[in-house]
C-alpha atoms as a PDB file:
ATOM      1  CA  MET A   1       0.207  -0.487  -0.177  1.00  0.00           C
ATOM      2  CA  CYS A   2       1.831   3.546  -1.165  1.00  0.00           C
ATOM      3  CA  VAL A   3       0.304   6.331   1.583  1.00  0.00           C
ATOM      4  CA  SER A   4       2.400   9.472  -0.139  1.00  0.00           C
ATOM      5  CA  VAL A   5       1.804  12.045  -3.456  1.00  0.00           C
ATOM      6  CA  TYR A   6       4.107  10.564  -4.244  1.00  0.00           C
ATOM      7  CA  CYS A   7       2.231   7.097  -5.658  1.00  0.00           C
ATOM      8  CA  ALA A   8       0.582   6.121  -8.944  1.00  0.00           C
ATOM      9  CA  GLY A   9      -3.234   8.046  -8.710  1.00  0.00           C
ATOM     10  CA  GLY A  10      -4.346  10.047  -6.764  1.00  0.00           C
ATOM     11  CA  LEU A  11      -2.072  13.800  -6.848  1.00  0.00           C
ATOM     12  CA  TRP A  12       0.326  12.115  -8.899  1.00  0.00           C
ATOM     13  CA  HIS A  13       1.299  14.380 -11.637  1.00  0.00           C
ATOM     14  CA  SER A  14      -0.776  17.020 -10.235  1.00  0.00           C
ATOM     15  CA  SER A  15       0.471  20.960 -11.125  1.00  0.00           C
ATOM     16  CA  LEU A  16       0.607  20.885  -6.817  1.00  0.00           C
ATOM     17  CA  ILE A  17       3.126  17.999  -6.713  1.00  0.00           C
ATOM     18  CA  ASP A  18       4.983  19.491 -10.197  1.00  0.00           C
ATOM     19  CA  ARG A  19       5.642  22.422  -8.990  1.00  0.00           C
ATOM     20  CA  ASN A  20       6.161  21.465  -5.253  1.00  0.00           C
ATOM     21  CA  LEU A  21       4.009  22.903  -3.942  1.00  0.00           C
ATOM     22  CA  VAL A  22       3.057  20.348  -1.990  1.00  0.00           C
ATOM     23  CA  THR A  23       5.871  19.514   1.283  1.00  0.00           C
ATOM     24  CA  ALA A  24       4.126  17.204   3.289  1.00  0.00           C
ATOM     25  CA  PHE A  25       1.063  14.406   3.797  1.00  0.00           C
ATOM     26  CA  VAL A  26      -1.193  14.541   7.029  1.00  0.00           C
ATOM     27  CA  PRO A  27      -3.395  11.393   6.983  1.00  0.00           C
ATOM     28  CA  PHE A  28      -6.220  12.004   8.958  1.00  0.00           C
ATOM     29  CA  LEU A  29      -7.574   9.261  10.716  1.00  0.00           C
ATOM     30  CA  PRO A  30     -11.093   9.030  12.022  1.00  0.00           C
ATOM     31  CA  MET A  31     -12.577  10.353  14.767  1.00  0.00           C
ATOM     32  CA  GLU A  32     -13.762   8.232  18.197  1.00  0.00           C
ATOM     33  CA  ARG A  33     -17.843   8.710  19.681  1.00  0.00           C
ATOM     34  CA  LYS A  34     -15.478  11.065  22.355  1.00  0.00           C
ATOM     35  CA  HIS A  35     -14.142  13.681  20.116  1.00  0.00           C
ATOM     36  CA  VAL A  36     -16.851  13.812  18.132  1.00  0.00           C
ATOM     37  CA  LYS A  37     -18.837  14.834  22.114  1.00  0.00           C
ATOM     38  CA  LEU A  38     -15.908  16.823  22.838  1.00  0.00           C
ATOM     39  CA  CYS A  39     -16.816  19.134  18.754  1.00  0.00           C
ATOM     40  CA  ILE A  40     -20.263  18.653  20.229  1.00  0.00           C
ATOM     41  CA  GLU A  41     -19.639  20.828  24.253  1.00  0.00           C
ATOM     42  CA  ASP A  42     -17.711  23.176  21.928  1.00  0.00           C
ATOM     43  CA  ASN A  43     -20.361  23.780  19.735  1.00  0.00           C
ATOM     44  CA  LEU A  44     -22.922  24.564  22.697  1.00  0.00           C
ATOM     45  CA  ARG A  45     -20.982  26.737  24.091  1.00  0.00           C
ATOM     46  CA  SER A  46     -20.101  29.352  21.149  1.00  0.00           C
ATOM     47  CA  LYS A  47     -23.884  29.387  20.710  1.00  0.00           C
ATOM     48  CA  ASN A  48     -24.028  29.647  24.506  1.00  0.00           C
ATOM     49  CA  ARG A  49     -25.770  27.265  25.361  1.00  0.00           C
ATOM     50  CA  THR A  50     -26.052  24.834  28.401  1.00  0.00           C
ATOM     51  CA  VAL A  51     -23.862  21.924  28.318  1.00  0.00           C
ATOM     52  CA  THR A  52     -25.097  18.553  29.072  1.00  0.00           C
ATOM     53  CA  GLU A  53     -24.367  15.205  29.279  1.00  0.00           C
ATOM     54  CA  ASP A  54     -27.756  14.575  28.515  1.00  0.00           C
ATOM     55  CA  ILE A  55     -27.392  17.090  25.404  1.00  0.00           C
ATOM     56  CA  VAL A  56     -24.476  16.079  24.082  1.00  0.00           C
ATOM     57  CA  ASN A  57     -25.892  12.214  24.094  1.00  0.00           C
ATOM     58  CA  LYS A  58     -28.983  12.757  22.234  1.00  0.00           C
ATOM     59  CA  VAL A  59     -26.404  14.835  19.703  1.00  0.00           C
ATOM     60  CA  ALA A  60     -23.911  12.233  20.039  1.00  0.00           C
ATOM     61  CA  ASP A  61     -26.651   9.074  18.786  1.00  0.00           C
ATOM     62  CA  LEU A  62     -28.133  11.640  16.152  1.00  0.00           C
ATOM     63  CA  LEU A  63     -24.847  11.271  13.989  1.00  0.00           C
ATOM     64  CA  PRO A  64     -23.721   7.897  12.362  1.00  0.00           C
ATOM     65  CA  TYR A  65     -21.724   5.756  13.255  1.00  0.00           C
ATOM     66  CA  TYR A  66     -19.405   2.583  11.845  1.00  0.00           C
ATOM     67  CA  PRO A  67     -18.804  -0.133  11.793  1.00  0.00           C
ATOM     68  CA  GLU A  68     -23.029  -0.484  11.969  1.00  0.00           C
ATOM     69  CA  ASP A  69     -22.115  -3.014  14.689  1.00  0.00           C
ATOM     70  CA  ALA A  70     -19.449  -1.579  17.143  1.00  0.00           C
ATOM     71  CA  LYS A  71     -20.208   1.987  16.062  1.00  0.00           C
ATOM     72  CA  LEU A  72     -16.789   3.815  16.922  1.00  0.00           C
ATOM     73  CA  PHE A  73     -15.670   6.466  14.075  1.00  0.00           C
ATOM     74  CA  ALA A  74     -17.332   9.308  13.375  1.00  0.00           C
ATOM     75  CA  LYS A  75     -18.990   8.777   9.493  1.00  0.00           C
ATOM     76  CA  SER A  76     -19.203  12.641   9.123  1.00  0.00           C
ATOM     77  CA  GLY A  77     -16.571  13.516  12.877  1.00  0.00           C
ATOM     78  CA  CYS A  78     -18.025  17.426  13.534  1.00  0.00           C
ATOM     79  CA  LYS A  79     -19.516  18.058  10.105  1.00  0.00           C
ATOM     80  CA  ARG A  80     -22.781  17.604  10.885  1.00  0.00           C
ATOM     81  CA  VAL A  81     -22.560  18.496  14.714  1.00  0.00           C
ATOM     82  CA  SER A  82     -23.659  22.095  14.597  1.00  0.00           C
ATOM     83  CA  GLN A  83     -26.608  21.530  12.786  1.00  0.00           C
ATOM     84  CA  LYS A  84     -27.139  18.052  15.287  1.00  0.00           C
ATOM     85  CA  VAL A  85     -27.282  20.308  18.288  1.00  0.00           C
ATOM     86  CA  ASP A  86     -29.517  23.278  17.088  1.00  0.00           C
ATOM     87  CA  PHE A  87     -32.208  20.280  16.080  1.00  0.00           C
ATOM     88  CA  VAL A  88     -31.804  19.474  19.719  1.00  0.00           C
ATOM     89  CA  ALA A  89     -30.788  23.172  21.303  1.00  0.00           C
ATOM     90  CA  ASP A  90     -34.400  24.128  19.775  1.00  0.00           C
ATOM     91  CA  LYS A  91     -35.902  20.734  20.057  1.00  0.00           C
ATOM     92  CA  ASP A  92     -35.431  20.503  23.497  1.00  0.00           C
ATOM     93  CA  GLU A  93     -37.002  24.429  24.031  1.00  0.00           C
ATOM     94  CA  LEU A  94     -39.996  23.675  22.726  1.00  0.00           C
END
């Protein structure tokens, strides 16, 4: 398995590589549920909302995880957190 911008495919022969504009390759690891919960807490604080374990868990439960049977890693990382925080917070205010 070739894990580099210099391997065939991906950015191979792109102008970014040919012009030496890419200086480092940083792999992104999947986020675990505990990391997503930190994003949720941060998002709640940035919106001046109360941070409770109940709200954090409700938001975390709305996000998709994989593998299906173990639900270890968030499929979308923290990308959908803000939208889900608004959904749960608005629902709780009713």
